[in-house]
Amino acid sequence: QVQFVESGGGLVQPGGSLRLSCAHSGGFLRFFSMGWYRQAPGKQRELVASIPYVGRTNYADFVKGRFTISRDNAKNTLYLQMNNLTPEDTAVYYCNIPEELAAWGQGTQVTVSS
């Protein structure tokens, strides 16, 4: 059973940056697309960015040009570099497998506020 452990969230001012990490237990996941999701209070969880085994990364329109997804398969870790954060980015961020969702981790809270 795959497990995800997200980290790197915190409180940051508008315009600031954070780098999220997602450590996962499945070495075989290197052959799968992986994605970052977020859920803001009172809203549904949404896909923020995804990265395939090979090919082009994909981003939701609301983060294009600000967020960068990457992966280190040797470390079984997924990353999300977030720049120029806005209060609308405040949410709990999760990682998962877009093509076959597994159990969600605990997520990491990102709060953007002055």
C-alpha atoms as a PDB file:
ATOM      1  CA  GLN A   1       0.000   0.000   0.000  1.00  0.00           C
ATOM      2  CA  VAL A   2       1.404   3.338  -1.057  1.00  0.00           C
ATOM      3  CA  GLN A   3       1.877   5.996   1.600  1.00  0.00           C
ATOM      4  CA  PHE A   4       2.489   9.688   1.088  1.00  0.00           C
ATOM      5  CA  VAL A   5       4.117  12.087   3.545  1.00  0.00           C
ATOM      6  CA  GLU A   6       3.848  15.729   2.565  1.00  0.00           C
ATOM      7  CA  SER A   7       5.967  18.438   4.164  1.00  0.00           C
ATOM      8  CA  GLY A   8       7.290  21.943   3.641  1.00  0.00           C
ATOM      9  CA  GLY A   9       4.176  23.999   4.209  1.00  0.00           C
ATOM     10  CA  GLY A  10       3.945  26.995   6.467  1.00  0.00           C
ATOM     11  CA  LEU A  11       2.957  30.613   6.804  1.00  0.00           C
ATOM     12  CA  VAL A  12       4.307  32.930   4.149  1.00  0.00           C
ATOM     13  CA  GLN A  13       3.596  36.495   3.096  1.00  0.00           C
ATOM     14  CA  PRO A  14       2.068  37.292  -0.291  1.00  0.00           C
ATOM     15  CA  GLY A  15       4.757  37.182  -2.938  1.00  0.00           C
ATOM     16  CA  GLY A  16       6.776  34.668  -0.972  1.00  0.00           C
ATOM     17  CA  SER A  17       7.921  31.158  -1.864  1.00  0.00           C
ATOM     18  CA  LEU A  18       7.719  27.661  -0.445  1.00  0.00           C
ATOM     19  CA  ARG A  19       8.989  24.289  -1.563  1.00  0.00           C
ATOM     20  CA  LEU A  20       6.821  21.310  -0.772  1.00  0.00           C
ATOM     21  CA  SER A  21       8.044  17.742  -0.637  1.00  0.00           C
ATOM     22  CA  CYS A  22       6.173  14.464  -0.857  1.00  0.00           C
ATOM     23  CA  ALA A  23       7.971  11.333   0.212  1.00  0.00           C
ATOM     24  CA  HIS A  24       6.259   8.176  -0.957  1.00  0.00           C
ATOM     25  CA  SER A  25       6.770   4.538  -0.186  1.00  0.00           C
ATOM     26  CA  GLY A  26       6.427   3.127  -3.686  1.00  0.00           C
ATOM     27  CA  GLY A  27       9.583   2.859  -5.769  1.00  0.00           C
ATOM     28  CA  PHE A  28       7.429   1.577  -8.617  1.00  0.00           C
ATOM     29  CA  LEU A  29       5.738   4.992  -8.733  1.00  0.00           C
ATOM     30  CA  ARG A  30       8.585   6.222 -10.851  1.00  0.00           C
ATOM     31  CA  PHE A  31       6.667   4.711 -13.767  1.00  0.00           C
ATOM     32  CA  PHE A  32       3.473   6.608 -12.938  1.00  0.00           C
ATOM     33  CA  SER A  33       2.362  10.181 -13.322  1.00  0.00           C
ATOM     34  CA  MET A  34       2.240  11.943  -9.984  1.00  0.00           C
ATOM     35  CA  GLY A  35       0.458  15.083  -8.997  1.00  0.00           C
ATOM     36  CA  TRP A  36       0.029  17.773  -6.399  1.00  0.00           C
ATOM     37  CA  TYR A  37      -3.477  18.610  -5.239  1.00  0.00           C
ATOM     38  CA  ARG A  38      -4.848  21.199  -2.873  1.00  0.00           C
ATOM     39  CA  GLN A  39      -8.005  21.728  -0.871  1.00  0.00           C
ATOM     40  CA  ALA A  40      -8.987  25.103   0.461  1.00  0.00           C
ATOM     41  CA  PRO A  41     -11.561  25.463   3.261  1.00  0.00           C
ATOM     42  CA  GLY A  42     -15.055  24.874   1.938  1.00  0.00           C
ATOM     43  CA  LYS A  43     -13.818  23.887  -1.511  1.00  0.00           C
ATOM     44  CA  GLN A  44     -13.260  20.632  -3.338  1.00  0.00           C
ATOM     45  CA  ARG A  45      -9.825  19.166  -3.743  1.00  0.00           C
ATOM     46  CA  GLU A  46      -8.279  20.181  -7.060  1.00  0.00           C
ATOM     47  CA  LEU A  47      -5.309  19.115  -9.133  1.00  0.00           C
ATOM     48  CA  VAL A  48      -2.570  21.732  -9.150  1.00  0.00           C
ATOM     49  CA  ALA A  49       0.164  20.110 -11.231  1.00  0.00           C
ATOM     50  CA  SER A  50       1.206  16.727 -12.543  1.00  0.00           C
ATOM     51  CA  ILE A  51       4.385  15.192 -13.856  1.00  0.00           C
ATOM     52  CA  PRO A  52       4.483  12.055 -15.987  1.00  0.00           C
ATOM     53  CA  TYR A  53       7.049   9.286 -16.051  1.00  0.00           C
ATOM     54  CA  VAL A  54       8.209  10.799 -19.309  1.00  0.00           C
ATOM     55  CA  GLY A  55       6.866  13.822 -21.100  1.00  0.00           C
ATOM     56  CA  ARG A  56       5.599  17.254 -20.325  1.00  0.00           C
ATOM     57  CA  THR A  57       4.474  18.533 -16.967  1.00  0.00           C
ATOM     58  CA  ASN A  58       0.983  19.983 -16.657  1.00  0.00           C
ATOM     59  CA  TYR A  59      -0.283  22.859 -14.535  1.00  0.00           C
ATOM     60  CA  ALA A  60      -3.637  24.267 -13.625  1.00  0.00           C
ATOM     61  CA  ASP A  61      -4.128  27.694 -15.158  1.00  0.00           C
ATOM     62  CA  PHE A  62      -4.153  29.358 -11.740  1.00  0.00           C
ATOM     63  CA  VAL A  63      -0.549  28.310 -11.018  1.00  0.00           C
ATOM     64  CA  LYS A  64       1.061  28.455 -14.434  1.00  0.00           C
ATOM     65  CA  GLY A  65       4.250  30.456 -14.378  1.00  0.00           C
ATOM     66  CA  ARG A  66       4.414  30.418 -10.577  1.00  0.00           C
ATOM     67  CA  PHE A  67       4.658  26.749  -9.545  1.00  0.00           C
ATOM     68  CA  THR A  68       7.089  24.085 -10.736  1.00  0.00           C
ATOM     69  CA  ILE A  69       6.625  20.372 -10.167  1.00  0.00           C
ATOM     70  CA  SER A  70       9.574  18.009 -10.184  1.00  0.00           C
ATOM     71  CA  ARG A  71      10.495  14.548  -9.001  1.00  0.00           C
ATOM     72  CA  ASP A  72      13.547  12.665  -7.791  1.00  0.00           C
ATOM     73  CA  ASN A  73      12.835   9.015  -8.465  1.00  0.00           C
ATOM     74  CA  ALA A  74      16.034   7.910  -6.728  1.00  0.00           C
ATOM     75  CA  LYS A  75      14.697   9.467  -3.521  1.00  0.00           C
ATOM     76  CA  ASN A  76      11.029   8.527  -4.078  1.00  0.00           C
ATOM     77  CA  THR A  77      10.179  12.182  -3.643  1.00  0.00           C
ATOM     78  CA  LEU A  78       7.948  14.643  -5.452  1.00  0.00           C
ATOM     79  CA  TYR A  79       8.449  18.405  -5.146  1.00  0.00           C
ATOM     80  CA  LEU A  80       6.452  21.542  -5.729  1.00  0.00           C
ATOM     81  CA  GLN A  81       8.262  24.848  -5.895  1.00  0.00           C
ATOM     82  CA  MET A  82       5.765  27.641  -5.314  1.00  0.00           C
ATOM     83  CA  ASN A  83       6.704  31.230  -6.078  1.00  0.00           C
ATOM     84  CA  ASN A  84       4.798  34.500  -5.997  1.00  0.00           C
ATOM     85  CA  LEU A  85       2.235  33.052  -3.624  1.00  0.00           C
ATOM     86  CA  THR A  86      -1.113  34.768  -3.129  1.00  0.00           C
ATOM     87  CA  PRO A  87      -3.743  34.404  -0.401  1.00  0.00           C
ATOM     88  CA  GLU A  88      -5.787  32.342  -2.879  1.00  0.00           C
ATOM     89  CA  ASP A  89      -3.090  29.663  -2.687  1.00  0.00           C
ATOM     90  CA  THR A  90      -3.940  29.037   0.967  1.00  0.00           C
ATOM     91  CA  ALA A  91      -4.910  25.370   1.245  1.00  0.00           C
ATOM     92  CA  VAL A  92      -3.800  21.958   2.396  1.00  0.00           C
ATOM     93  CA  TYR A  93      -1.566  20.453  -0.272  1.00  0.00           C
ATOM     94  CA  TYR A  94      -1.447  16.728  -1.030  1.00  0.00           C
ATOM     95  CA  CYS A  95       0.291  14.450  -3.474  1.00  0.00           C
ATOM     96  CA  ASN A  96      -1.184  11.410  -5.192  1.00  0.00           C
ATOM     97  CA  ILE A  97      -1.350   9.395  -8.394  1.00  0.00           C
ATOM     98  CA  PRO A  98      -3.754  11.070 -10.833  1.00  0.00           C
ATOM     99  CA  GLU A  99      -4.452   7.930 -12.842  1.00  0.00           C
ATOM    100  CA  GLU A 100      -5.201   5.771  -9.829  1.00  0.00           C
ATOM    101  CA  LEU A 101      -5.776   7.656  -6.617  1.00  0.00           C
ATOM    102  CA  ALA A 102      -4.391   6.009  -3.521  1.00  0.00           C
ATOM    103  CA  ALA A 103      -5.112   6.786   0.122  1.00  0.00           C
ATOM    104  CA  TRP A 104      -4.433  10.430   0.881  1.00  0.00           C
ATOM    105  CA  GLY A 105      -1.663  11.495   3.194  1.00  0.00           C
ATOM    106  CA  GLN A 106      -2.098  14.066   5.919  1.00  0.00           C
ATOM    107  CA  GLY A 107      -1.174  16.913   3.603  1.00  0.00           C
ATOM    108  CA  THR A 108       0.785  20.036   4.431  1.00  0.00           C
ATOM    109  CA  GLN A 109      -0.838  23.358   5.273  1.00  0.00           C
ATOM    110  CA  VAL A 110       0.118  26.399   3.219  1.00  0.00           C
ATOM    111  CA  THR A 111      -1.103  29.735   4.510  1.00  0.00           C
ATOM    112  CA  VAL A 112      -0.437  32.917   2.577  1.00  0.00           C
ATOM    113  CA  SER A 113      -1.180  35.976   4.633  1.00  0.00           C
ATOM    114  CA  SER A 114       0.306  39.308   5.591  1.00  0.00           C
END
